[in-house]
């Protein structure tokens, strides 16, 4: 995916200041584009993690209503699939 951002001069200047400070502090030479890409990727990864955790939680919620022996069997089945 490619994203085009339209920034006004104030936004460009603020971004340049933040990137310059980052580069000075870390001794790096990250560009504004790289800086923004890292921020966006971190956010997408956060979304992905939240979706995964929600899916796992919904499985747990659904299994909670099963009888104990069925829950144990389900856990064993999932564990066996994860080991293969």
N, C-alpha and C. Protein backbone atom coordinates (compact mmCIF):
# COMPACT_ATOMS: atom_id res chain seq x y z
N UNK A 1 0.85 -1.17 0.00
CA UNK A 1 0.00 0.00 0.00
C UNK A 1 0.90 1.23 0.00
N UNK A 2 0.56 2.17 -0.81
CA UNK A 2 1.25 3.47 -0.82
C UNK A 2 0.27 4.53 -0.35
N UNK A 3 0.77 5.46 0.45
CA UNK A 3 -0.08 6.51 0.99
C UNK A 3 0.53 7.85 0.63
N UNK A 4 -0.31 8.74 0.14
CA UNK A 4 0.13 10.09 -0.16
C UNK A 4 -0.39 11.01 0.93
N UNK A 5 0.50 11.79 1.52
CA UNK A 5 0.10 12.77 2.52
C UNK A 5 0.27 14.17 1.93
N UNK A 6 -0.69 15.00 2.20
CA UNK A 6 -0.59 16.39 1.78
C UNK A 6 -0.45 17.22 3.05
N UNK A 7 0.72 17.78 3.24
CA UNK A 7 1.02 18.56 4.44
C UNK A 7 1.19 20.02 4.06
N UNK A 8 0.74 20.89 4.94
CA UNK A 8 0.99 22.31 4.71
C UNK A 8 2.39 22.64 5.24
N UNK A 9 2.85 23.85 5.02
CA UNK A 9 4.21 24.21 5.38
C UNK A 9 4.46 24.10 6.88
N UNK A 10 3.48 24.48 7.67
CA UNK A 10 3.65 24.37 9.12
C UNK A 10 3.85 22.91 9.54
N UNK A 11 3.05 22.02 8.96
CA UNK A 11 3.17 20.59 9.27
C UNK A 11 4.52 20.04 8.80
N UNK A 12 4.96 20.46 7.64
CA UNK A 12 6.26 20.03 7.11
C UNK A 12 7.38 20.50 8.03
N UNK A 13 7.30 21.76 8.46
CA UNK A 13 8.34 22.29 9.35
C UNK A 13 8.36 21.57 10.69
N UNK A 14 7.19 21.30 11.26
CA UNK A 14 7.11 20.57 12.54
C UNK A 14 7.65 19.16 12.40
N UNK A 15 7.30 18.51 11.32
CA UNK A 15 7.81 17.16 11.06
C UNK A 15 9.33 17.19 10.91
N UNK A 16 9.84 18.16 10.19
CA UNK A 16 11.29 18.28 10.01
C UNK A 16 11.99 18.48 11.34
N UNK A 17 11.39 19.28 12.22
CA UNK A 17 11.98 19.51 13.55
C UNK A 17 12.01 18.22 14.37
N UNK A 18 10.92 17.47 14.34
CA UNK A 18 10.85 16.21 15.09
C UNK A 18 11.87 15.21 14.55
N UNK A 19 11.95 15.10 13.24
CA UNK A 19 12.90 14.15 12.63
C UNK A 19 14.34 14.58 12.93
N UNK A 20 14.62 15.87 12.87
CA UNK A 20 15.96 16.36 13.17
C UNK A 20 16.33 16.04 14.62
N UNK A 21 15.40 16.26 15.53
CA UNK A 21 15.66 15.96 16.94
C UNK A 21 15.89 14.47 17.14
N UNK A 22 15.10 13.66 16.48
CA UNK A 22 15.28 12.21 16.57
C UNK A 22 16.65 11.81 16.05
N UNK A 23 17.03 12.34 14.91
CA UNK A 23 18.31 11.99 14.31
C UNK A 23 19.48 12.44 15.18
N UNK A 24 19.34 13.61 15.77
CA UNK A 24 20.39 14.10 16.65
C UNK A 24 20.51 13.22 17.89
N UNK A 25 19.40 12.90 18.49
CA UNK A 25 19.39 12.10 19.72
C UNK A 25 19.90 10.68 19.48
N UNK A 26 19.54 10.11 18.33
CA UNK A 26 19.88 8.71 18.07
C UNK A 26 21.12 8.55 17.19
N UNK A 27 21.62 9.65 16.65
CA UNK A 27 22.76 9.56 15.75
C UNK A 27 22.41 8.85 14.45
N UNK A 28 21.20 9.06 13.98
CA UNK A 28 20.74 8.41 12.75
C UNK A 28 20.50 9.45 11.66
N UNK A 29 20.10 8.98 10.51
CA UNK A 29 19.76 9.88 9.41
C UNK A 29 18.44 9.45 8.77
N UNK A 30 17.43 9.29 9.60
CA UNK A 30 16.10 8.89 9.14
C UNK A 30 15.46 10.06 8.41
N UNK A 31 14.80 9.77 7.30
CA UNK A 31 14.09 10.81 6.57
C UNK A 31 12.70 11.00 7.17
N UNK A 32 12.07 12.09 6.82
CA UNK A 32 10.70 12.33 7.27
C UNK A 32 9.78 11.22 6.80
N UNK A 33 9.99 10.76 5.57
CA UNK A 33 9.16 9.69 5.02
C UNK A 33 9.34 8.40 5.82
N UNK A 34 10.59 8.08 6.17
CA UNK A 34 10.86 6.88 6.97
C UNK A 34 10.24 7.01 8.36
N UNK A 35 10.37 8.18 8.93
CA UNK A 35 9.81 8.43 10.25
C UNK A 35 8.29 8.20 10.24
N UNK A 36 7.61 8.77 9.27
CA UNK A 36 6.16 8.60 9.18
C UNK A 36 5.78 7.15 8.88
N UNK A 37 6.57 6.49 8.03
CA UNK A 37 6.29 5.08 7.72
C UNK A 37 6.39 4.23 8.98
N UNK A 38 7.40 4.51 9.82
CA UNK A 38 7.55 3.76 11.07
C UNK A 38 6.37 3.99 12.00
N UNK A 39 5.92 5.22 12.07
CA UNK A 39 4.76 5.55 12.91
C UNK A 39 3.52 4.82 12.41
N UNK A 40 3.31 4.87 11.11
CA UNK A 40 2.13 4.20 10.53
C UNK A 40 2.20 2.69 10.72
N UNK A 41 3.37 2.10 10.50
CA UNK A 41 3.51 0.65 10.67
C UNK A 41 3.28 0.25 12.11
N UNK A 42 3.78 1.03 13.04
CA UNK A 42 3.56 0.72 14.45
C UNK A 42 2.07 0.72 14.77
N UNK A 43 1.35 1.65 14.19
CA UNK A 43 -0.09 1.72 14.44
C UNK A 43 -0.81 0.53 13.80
N UNK A 44 -0.42 0.16 12.59
CA UNK A 44 -1.04 -0.99 11.92
C UNK A 44 -0.76 -2.26 12.72
N UNK A 45 0.45 -2.40 13.22
CA UNK A 45 0.79 -3.57 14.04
C UNK A 45 -0.05 -3.57 15.32
N UNK A 46 -0.29 -2.39 15.88
CA UNK A 46 -1.15 -2.30 17.07
C UNK A 46 -2.56 -2.76 16.73
N UNK A 47 -3.08 -2.36 15.56
CA UNK A 47 -4.41 -2.80 15.13
C UNK A 47 -4.44 -4.31 14.98
N UNK A 48 -3.40 -4.87 14.35
CA UNK A 48 -3.33 -6.31 14.11
C UNK A 48 -3.30 -7.06 15.44
N UNK A 49 -2.51 -6.59 16.37
CA UNK A 49 -2.41 -7.22 17.69
C UNK A 49 -3.75 -7.18 18.41
N UNK A 50 -4.43 -6.04 18.34
CA UNK A 50 -5.73 -5.91 19.00
C UNK A 50 -6.75 -6.87 18.37
N UNK A 51 -6.71 -7.01 17.05
CA UNK A 51 -7.64 -7.92 16.37
C UNK A 51 -7.37 -9.37 16.79
N UNK A 52 -6.10 -9.74 16.85
CA UNK A 52 -5.74 -11.09 17.28
C UNK A 52 -6.20 -11.35 18.71
N UNK A 53 -5.90 -10.41 19.60
CA UNK A 53 -6.28 -10.59 20.99
C UNK A 53 -7.80 -10.67 21.15
N UNK A 54 -8.52 -9.91 20.35
CA UNK A 54 -9.98 -9.97 20.39
C UNK A 54 -10.49 -11.33 19.92
N UNK A 55 -9.86 -11.86 18.87
CA UNK A 55 -10.25 -13.19 18.37
C UNK A 55 -10.00 -14.27 19.41
N UNK A 56 -8.84 -14.21 20.03
CA UNK A 56 -8.51 -15.19 21.07
C UNK A 56 -9.49 -15.07 22.24
N UNK A 57 -9.79 -13.85 22.63
CA UNK A 57 -10.72 -13.63 23.75
C UNK A 57 -12.11 -14.16 23.39
N UNK A 58 -12.54 -13.98 22.14
CA UNK A 58 -13.87 -14.46 21.76
C UNK A 58 -13.93 -15.98 21.78
N UNK A 59 -12.82 -16.63 21.43
CA UNK A 59 -12.78 -18.09 21.54
C UNK A 59 -12.90 -18.52 23.00
N UNK A 60 -12.19 -17.84 23.86
CA UNK A 60 -12.27 -18.15 25.29
C UNK A 60 -13.66 -17.92 25.84
N UNK A 61 -14.28 -16.83 25.41
CA UNK A 61 -15.64 -16.54 25.86
C UNK A 61 -16.62 -17.61 25.40
N UNK A 62 -16.46 -18.05 24.15
CA UNK A 62 -17.35 -19.09 23.61
C UNK A 62 -17.12 -20.42 24.32
N UNK A 63 -15.87 -20.73 24.61
CA UNK A 63 -15.55 -22.01 25.26
C UNK A 63 -15.98 -22.02 26.73
N UNK A 64 -16.07 -20.85 27.32
CA UNK A 64 -16.43 -20.77 28.74
C UNK A 64 -17.77 -21.46 29.02
N UNK A 65 -18.67 -21.44 28.05
CA UNK A 65 -19.99 -22.04 28.24
C UNK A 65 -20.02 -23.55 28.04
N UNK A 66 -18.92 -24.11 27.59
CA UNK A 66 -18.88 -25.56 27.38
C UNK A 66 -18.69 -26.29 28.71
N UNK A 67 -19.14 -27.53 28.76
CA UNK A 67 -18.85 -28.35 29.94
C UNK A 67 -17.33 -28.53 30.08
N UNK A 68 -16.90 -28.77 31.29
CA UNK A 68 -15.48 -28.88 31.61
C UNK A 68 -14.75 -29.86 30.70
N UNK A 69 -15.31 -31.06 30.52
CA UNK A 69 -14.64 -32.07 29.69
C UNK A 69 -14.50 -31.60 28.25
N UNK A 70 -15.51 -30.90 27.74
CA UNK A 70 -15.44 -30.36 26.37
C UNK A 70 -14.37 -29.27 26.27
N UNK A 71 -14.27 -28.43 27.30
CA UNK A 71 -13.23 -27.40 27.31
C UNK A 71 -11.84 -28.04 27.30
N UNK A 72 -11.66 -29.07 28.13
CA UNK A 72 -10.36 -29.76 28.17
C UNK A 72 -10.04 -30.37 26.80
N UNK A 73 -11.04 -30.97 26.17
CA UNK A 73 -10.83 -31.57 24.85
C UNK A 73 -10.48 -30.51 23.81
N UNK A 74 -11.15 -29.37 23.87
CA UNK A 74 -10.87 -28.28 22.94
C UNK A 74 -9.45 -27.75 23.14
N UNK A 75 -9.05 -27.58 24.38
CA UNK A 75 -7.69 -27.11 24.66
C UNK A 75 -6.67 -28.11 24.15
N UNK A 76 -6.91 -29.39 24.35
CA UNK A 76 -5.99 -30.43 23.87
C UNK A 76 -5.91 -30.41 22.34
N UNK A 77 -7.06 -30.24 21.68
CA UNK A 77 -7.10 -30.18 20.23
C UNK A 77 -6.30 -28.99 19.69
N UNK A 78 -6.49 -27.83 20.28
CA UNK A 78 -5.77 -26.64 19.84
C UNK A 78 -4.28 -26.80 20.12
N UNK A 79 -3.93 -27.31 21.27
CA UNK A 79 -2.52 -27.52 21.61
C UNK A 79 -1.86 -28.47 20.62
N UNK A 80 -2.56 -29.52 20.23
CA UNK A 80 -2.01 -30.49 19.27
C UNK A 80 -1.80 -29.82 17.91
N UNK A 81 -2.72 -28.98 17.49
CA UNK A 81 -2.56 -28.28 16.21
C UNK A 81 -1.39 -27.30 16.25
N UNK A 82 -1.17 -26.67 17.37
CA UNK A 82 -0.08 -25.72 17.48
C UNK A 82 1.28 -26.40 17.48
N UNK A 83 1.33 -27.65 17.91
CA UNK A 83 2.60 -28.37 17.96
C UNK A 83 2.98 -28.93 16.59
N UNK A 84 2.03 -29.02 15.69
CA UNK A 84 2.36 -29.62 14.37
C UNK A 84 2.85 -28.59 13.39
